Protein backbone atom coordinates (compact mmCIF):
# COMPACT_ATOMS: atom_id res chain seq x y z
CA UNK A 1 -20.39 -112.99 7.32
CA UNK A 2 -21.97 -109.58 7.79
CA UNK A 3 -20.40 -107.59 10.65
CA UNK A 4 -22.03 -104.28 11.53
CA UNK A 5 -20.73 -101.37 13.59
CA UNK A 6 -23.20 -102.24 16.36
CA UNK A 7 -21.58 -105.68 16.61
CA UNK A 8 -18.15 -104.09 17.08
CA UNK A 9 -19.56 -101.75 19.71
CA UNK A 10 -21.19 -104.70 21.46
CA UNK A 11 -18.06 -106.80 21.79
CA UNK A 12 -16.05 -103.80 22.95
CA UNK A 13 -18.66 -102.89 25.58
CA UNK A 14 -18.83 -106.45 26.94
CA UNK A 15 -15.05 -106.64 27.19
CA UNK A 16 -14.87 -103.29 28.99
CA UNK A 17 -17.81 -103.98 31.32
CA UNK A 18 -17.01 -107.62 32.12
CA UNK A 19 -20.65 -108.64 32.09
CA UNK A 20 -23.89 -108.38 30.17
CA UNK A 21 -25.76 -106.13 32.60
CA UNK A 22 -23.10 -103.42 32.72
CA UNK A 23 -22.50 -103.70 28.96
CA UNK A 24 -26.22 -103.24 28.31
CA UNK A 25 -26.12 -100.06 30.41
CA UNK A 26 -23.14 -98.80 28.40
CA UNK A 27 -24.98 -99.45 25.14
CA UNK A 28 -28.32 -98.09 26.46
CA UNK A 29 -30.19 -101.26 25.58
CA UNK A 30 -31.84 -104.02 27.63
CA UNK A 31 -29.90 -107.10 28.69
CA UNK A 32 -32.31 -109.23 26.67
CA UNK A 33 -31.62 -107.20 23.51
CA UNK A 34 -27.90 -107.55 24.14
CA UNK A 35 -28.19 -111.33 24.46
CA UNK A 36 -29.97 -111.45 21.10
CA UNK A 37 -27.17 -109.36 19.55
CA UNK A 38 -24.54 -111.76 20.87
CA UNK A 39 -26.39 -114.78 19.49
CA UNK A 40 -26.82 -113.07 16.13
CA UNK A 41 -23.15 -112.10 16.08
CA UNK A 42 -21.98 -115.63 16.84
CA UNK A 43 -24.36 -116.98 14.20
CA UNK A 44 -22.80 -114.57 11.70
CA UNK A 45 -19.24 -115.51 12.70
CA UNK A 46 -19.93 -119.23 12.90
CA UNK A 47 -17.80 -119.53 16.05
CA UNK A 48 -18.23 -118.87 19.75
CA UNK A 49 -16.96 -115.43 20.72
CA UNK A 50 -17.28 -115.85 24.49
CA UNK A 51 -16.17 -118.45 27.01
CA UNK A 52 -19.42 -119.79 28.39
CA UNK A 53 -20.06 -119.94 32.14
CA UNK A 54 -17.06 -117.67 32.87
CA UNK A 55 -17.32 -114.92 35.46
CA UNK A 56 -16.63 -112.23 34.57
CA UNK A 57 -17.66 -113.00 31.00
CA UNK A 58 -14.50 -113.60 28.96
CA UNK A 59 -13.81 -113.45 25.24
CA UNK A 60 -12.71 -116.55 23.38
CA UNK A 61 -9.70 -116.46 21.03
CA UNK A 62 -12.07 -115.60 18.16
CA UNK A 63 -13.69 -112.96 20.32
CA UNK A 64 -10.32 -111.34 21.04
CA UNK A 65 -9.61 -111.27 17.31
CA UNK A 66 -12.88 -109.45 16.69
CA UNK A 67 -12.15 -107.11 19.61
CA UNK A 68 -8.84 -106.07 18.00
CA UNK A 69 -10.75 -105.19 14.84
CA UNK A 70 -13.28 -103.20 16.88
CA UNK A 71 -10.54 -101.29 18.71
CA UNK A 72 -8.91 -100.39 15.38
CA UNK A 73 -12.04 -99.39 13.51
CA UNK A 74 -14.33 -97.77 16.09
CA UNK A 75 -11.94 -94.94 17.10
CA UNK A 76 -11.64 -93.99 13.43
CA UNK A 77 -15.42 -93.94 13.03
CA UNK A 78 -15.88 -91.96 16.25
CA UNK A 79 -13.25 -89.43 15.16
CA UNK A 80 -15.01 -89.11 11.80
CA UNK A 81 -18.36 -88.57 13.52
CA UNK A 82 -16.81 -85.87 15.74
CA UNK A 83 -15.28 -84.20 12.69
CA UNK A 84 -18.62 -84.18 10.87
CA UNK A 85 -20.32 -82.79 13.99
CA UNK A 86 -17.73 -80.00 14.00
CA UNK A 87 -18.36 -79.28 10.34
CA UNK A 88 -22.11 -79.07 10.94
CA UNK A 89 -21.56 -76.74 13.89
CA UNK A 90 -18.97 -74.65 12.04
CA UNK A 91 -16.22 -75.33 14.58
CA UNK A 92 -14.06 -77.55 12.35
CA UNK A 93 -13.03 -77.68 8.72
CA UNK A 94 -10.13 -77.25 6.34
CA UNK A 95 -8.28 -74.04 5.58
CA UNK A 96 -5.49 -74.56 3.06
CA UNK A 97 -3.99 -71.24 2.03
CA UNK A 98 -1.99 -70.31 -1.07
CA UNK A 99 0.05 -67.10 -1.08
CA UNK A 100 0.84 -65.17 -4.24
CA UNK A 101 2.43 -62.37 -2.21
CA UNK A 102 5.90 -63.51 -1.08
CA UNK A 103 6.27 -60.83 1.60
CA UNK A 104 2.95 -61.86 3.11
CA UNK A 105 4.53 -64.68 5.08
CA UNK A 106 5.75 -62.02 7.53
CA UNK A 107 2.14 -60.93 8.13
CA UNK A 108 0.27 -64.22 7.80
CA UNK A 109 2.01 -66.10 10.62
CA UNK A 110 0.75 -63.71 13.36
CA UNK A 111 -2.72 -63.95 11.81
CA UNK A 112 -2.69 -67.76 11.96
CA UNK A 113 -1.27 -67.75 15.47
CA UNK A 114 -4.24 -65.69 16.65
CA UNK A 115 -6.61 -67.84 14.56
CA UNK A 116 -5.57 -71.20 16.02
CA UNK A 117 -6.37 -70.08 19.57
CA UNK A 118 -10.06 -70.01 18.66
CA UNK A 119 -10.24 -72.58 15.85
CA UNK A 120 -7.98 -75.39 16.98
CA UNK A 121 -10.11 -77.98 15.15
CA UNK A 122 -9.60 -76.36 11.74
CA UNK A 123 -6.90 -78.04 9.64
CA UNK A 124 -4.62 -75.19 8.51
CA UNK A 125 -1.91 -75.54 5.87
CA UNK A 126 0.07 -73.04 3.78
CA UNK A 127 1.18 -73.59 0.21
CA UNK A 128 3.31 -70.96 -1.53
CA UNK A 129 1.16 -70.00 -4.51
CA UNK A 130 4.20 -69.32 -6.65
CA UNK A 131 4.92 -72.85 -7.87
CA UNK A 132 1.39 -73.48 -9.19
CA UNK A 133 -1.67 -71.58 -10.41
CA UNK A 134 -3.27 -70.65 -7.11
CA UNK A 135 -6.62 -69.33 -8.36
CA UNK A 136 -7.42 -72.37 -10.56
CA UNK A 137 -6.43 -74.50 -7.56
CA UNK A 138 -8.98 -72.54 -5.51
CA UNK A 139 -11.69 -73.27 -8.08
CA UNK A 140 -10.80 -76.98 -8.04
CA UNK A 141 -10.93 -76.97 -4.19
CA UNK A 142 -7.26 -77.93 -3.89
CA UNK A 143 -6.87 -74.86 -1.66
CA UNK A 144 -9.46 -72.82 0.24
CA UNK A 145 -8.07 -69.29 0.28
CA UNK A 146 -5.61 -67.36 -1.90
CA UNK A 147 -3.79 -64.21 -0.77
CA UNK A 148 -3.39 -62.02 -3.85
CA UNK A 149 -3.07 -58.40 -4.93
CA UNK A 150 -4.47 -59.13 -8.40
CA UNK A 151 -8.26 -59.72 -8.33
CA UNK A 152 -9.80 -61.50 -11.30
CA UNK A 153 -13.36 -62.12 -12.46
CA UNK A 154 -13.73 -65.86 -11.89
CA UNK A 155 -16.95 -67.91 -11.60
CA UNK A 156 -17.70 -68.93 -8.02
CA UNK A 157 -14.79 -66.92 -6.60
CA UNK A 158 -15.03 -63.70 -4.59
CA UNK A 159 -12.21 -61.37 -3.59
CA UNK A 160 -12.48 -59.93 -0.10
CA UNK A 161 -10.41 -56.76 0.44
CA UNK A 162 -7.99 -57.04 3.37
CA UNK A 163 -5.89 -53.88 3.59
CA UNK A 164 -4.06 -51.28 1.55
CA UNK A 165 -0.29 -50.94 1.57
CA UNK A 166 2.35 -48.79 -0.07
CA UNK A 167 5.32 -50.31 -1.92
CA UNK A 168 8.30 -48.18 -0.87
CA UNK A 169 11.84 -47.76 -2.12
CA UNK A 170 14.50 -48.89 0.39
CA UNK A 171 18.14 -47.78 0.18
CA UNK A 172 21.14 -47.41 2.48
CA UNK A 173 21.24 -44.11 4.37
CA UNK A 174 24.41 -43.09 2.52
CA UNK A 175 23.07 -44.04 -0.92
CA UNK A 176 22.73 -41.03 -3.30
CA UNK A 177 19.04 -41.81 -3.90
CA UNK A 178 18.41 -41.54 -0.16
CA UNK A 179 18.74 -37.76 -0.59
CA UNK A 180 15.66 -37.64 -2.82
CA UNK A 181 12.15 -37.14 -1.46
CA UNK A 182 10.81 -39.79 -3.88
CA UNK A 183 12.17 -42.04 -6.64
CA UNK A 184 11.07 -42.63 -10.21
CA UNK A 185 11.59 -45.42 -12.72
CA UNK A 186 14.68 -43.81 -14.25
CA UNK A 187 16.44 -43.89 -10.88
CA UNK A 188 16.68 -47.69 -11.12
CA UNK A 189 18.69 -47.88 -14.37
CA UNK A 190 22.09 -47.96 -12.68
CA UNK A 191 21.04 -49.90 -9.59
CA UNK A 192 21.30 -53.47 -8.35
CA UNK A 193 17.70 -54.33 -7.52
CA UNK A 194 17.27 -56.88 -4.73
CA UNK A 195 13.97 -58.79 -5.00
CA UNK A 196 12.27 -61.92 -3.80
CA UNK A 197 12.84 -64.97 -6.05
CA UNK A 198 9.52 -64.67 -7.88
CA UNK A 199 8.33 -63.76 -11.37
CA UNK A 200 8.30 -60.08 -12.27
CA UNK A 201 4.54 -60.20 -12.61
CA UNK A 202 4.40 -60.72 -8.81
CA UNK A 203 6.68 -57.79 -7.93
CA UNK A 204 5.16 -54.33 -7.40
CA UNK A 205 8.34 -52.55 -8.50
CA UNK A 206 7.92 -54.02 -11.98
CA UNK A 207 4.12 -54.04 -12.36
CA UNK A 208 3.63 -50.52 -10.97
CA UNK A 209 6.80 -48.74 -12.08
CA UNK A 210 9.53 -50.30 -14.20
CA UNK A 211 7.60 -52.33 -16.77
CA UNK A 212 5.21 -49.48 -17.74
CA UNK A 213 8.22 -47.13 -18.05
CA UNK A 214 10.25 -49.77 -19.96
CA UNK A 215 13.14 -49.35 -17.54
CA UNK A 216 15.53 -52.18 -16.71
CA UNK A 217 17.78 -52.07 -13.59
CA UNK A 218 21.52 -52.68 -14.02
CA UNK A 219 21.12 -56.12 -12.45
CA UNK A 220 18.76 -58.10 -10.25
CA UNK A 221 19.70 -60.09 -7.17
CA UNK A 222 17.12 -62.49 -5.77
CA UNK A 223 16.96 -63.17 -2.03
CA UNK A 224 14.48 -65.35 -0.15
CA UNK A 225 14.27 -63.63 3.25
CA UNK A 226 13.10 -60.08 3.98
CA UNK A 227 15.61 -59.66 6.81
CA UNK A 228 18.48 -60.57 4.47
CA UNK A 229 17.22 -58.13 1.83
CA UNK A 230 17.29 -55.35 4.42
CA UNK A 231 20.77 -56.33 5.62
CA UNK A 232 22.09 -56.18 2.05
CA UNK A 233 20.40 -52.82 1.48
CA UNK A 234 21.82 -51.42 4.72
CA UNK A 235 25.28 -52.57 3.54
CA UNK A 236 24.75 -50.63 0.30
CA UNK A 237 24.82 -53.83 -1.81
CA UNK A 238 21.71 -52.79 -3.72
CA UNK A 239 18.26 -51.25 -3.38
CA UNK A 240 14.83 -52.80 -2.91
CA UNK A 241 11.10 -52.12 -3.07
CA UNK A 242 9.06 -53.65 -0.26
CA UNK A 243 5.60 -53.16 1.28
CA UNK A 244 5.72 -50.38 3.87
CA UNK A 245 4.38 -52.61 6.66
CA UNK A 246 7.04 -55.24 5.97
CA UNK A 247 9.84 -52.71 6.43
CA UNK A 248 8.33 -51.61 9.73
CA UNK A 249 7.77 -55.15 10.98
CA UNK A 250 11.19 -56.54 10.02
CA UNK A 251 13.27 -53.63 11.26
CA UNK A 252 16.90 -54.78 11.29
CA UNK A 253 18.85 -51.51 11.60
CA UNK A 254 18.71 -47.75 11.17
CA UNK A 255 21.15 -47.78 8.26
CA UNK A 256 18.50 -47.62 5.55
CA UNK A 257 15.70 -45.24 4.60
CA UNK A 258 12.43 -45.54 2.70
CA UNK A 259 11.09 -43.26 0.00
CA UNK A 260 7.81 -43.21 -1.99
CA UNK A 261 7.65 -44.53 -5.53
CA UNK A 262 6.86 -41.45 -7.63
CA UNK A 263 5.80 -38.06 -6.31
CA UNK A 264 2.26 -39.20 -5.49
CA UNK A 265 3.25 -42.61 -4.16
CA UNK A 266 1.75 -45.99 -5.07
CA UNK A 267 -1.06 -47.72 -3.20
CA UNK A 268 -1.90 -51.41 -3.58
CA UNK A 269 -4.63 -53.54 -2.03
CA UNK A 270 -4.32 -57.08 -0.75
CA UNK A 271 -7.24 -59.49 -1.18
CA UNK A 272 -8.35 -62.87 0.10
CA UNK A 273 -9.86 -64.93 -2.71
CA UNK A 274 -12.34 -67.55 -1.48
CA UNK A 275 -15.12 -69.66 -2.92
CA UNK A 276 -18.60 -68.15 -2.61
CA UNK A 277 -19.82 -71.30 -0.83
CA UNK A 278 -17.26 -70.75 1.96
CA UNK A 279 -18.03 -67.10 2.63
CA UNK A 280 -20.51 -67.82 5.45
CA UNK A 281 -18.36 -70.32 7.34
CA UNK A 282 -17.71 -68.90 10.83
CA UNK A 283 -14.01 -69.73 10.88
CA UNK A 284 -13.50 -68.16 7.45
CA UNK A 285 -15.19 -64.94 8.56
CA UNK A 286 -13.02 -64.85 11.70
CA UNK A 287 -9.81 -65.37 9.72
CA UNK A 288 -10.69 -62.51 7.38
CA UNK A 289 -11.41 -60.26 10.35
CA UNK A 290 -8.01 -61.08 11.88
CA UNK A 291 -6.34 -60.56 8.51
CA UNK A 292 -7.72 -57.01 8.44
CA UNK A 293 -6.96 -56.20 12.08
CA UNK A 294 -3.35 -57.39 12.40
CA UNK A 295 -1.89 -55.12 9.65
CA UNK A 296 -3.36 -52.17 11.58
CA UNK A 297 -1.49 -53.35 14.69
CA UNK A 298 1.70 -53.66 12.67
CA UNK A 299 1.33 -50.14 11.35
CA UNK A 300 0.67 -48.74 14.82
CA UNK A 301 3.54 -50.73 16.29
């Protein structure tokens, strides 16, 4: 037996229309062509699919069985066709994001909230890029975009600059280091440093300051949430280094202050790593535009 999609569409149309003439109109074919399809379908099945001389035309038990198959399969095919149409038109697709910057969750959610209002057909997912190698995953097409502050020269991958930020020292207002106009690596030797629970290679305070100076803080306390880090700092339970925009966005009290790292300060740049083949996709271009605009709003706010 060789059942084709057109056979499934035929039996569904006849059931919905209740007669050959209306079903032929639904299928945009002549009634004669529809009659030939029915005969061919019954020849394929080897059984009668319709109750003869019934008005309106009714399905037999075998016909109802085939109808159930049609009603299961055809919606899946139609959804797939719609998805492919969206891909061709650039209105649908997949956008799985990996984040190497832990603090970036605070910024990315407003970006995605604005994004979904225009691109509701794009499948968006977020994977913390800390439990796996995000950039190799991007090359293998396991993810579609990586948020990173560490660009690399990788075949087929381009790094789009998003925005610059300043890692700043955060301490309680009454902390002795709060009296300084800026802090240096040596200032951390006797401090409890509160960080996100990530590798040192992902923390600006180490990559930009402590590791080059070969300075180790008295102890390190790892905390998942930015708001909790700021509460602990305000309670004088330790000090932290966070992106300047994060401190402004997650303002929890006035009991802490920020200071530059070193006299000249430190500036870092955040990038979106994407595959070259995806650079011209309309939804990807829009996401990158939002990713650049929203940090400016945060800074102004």
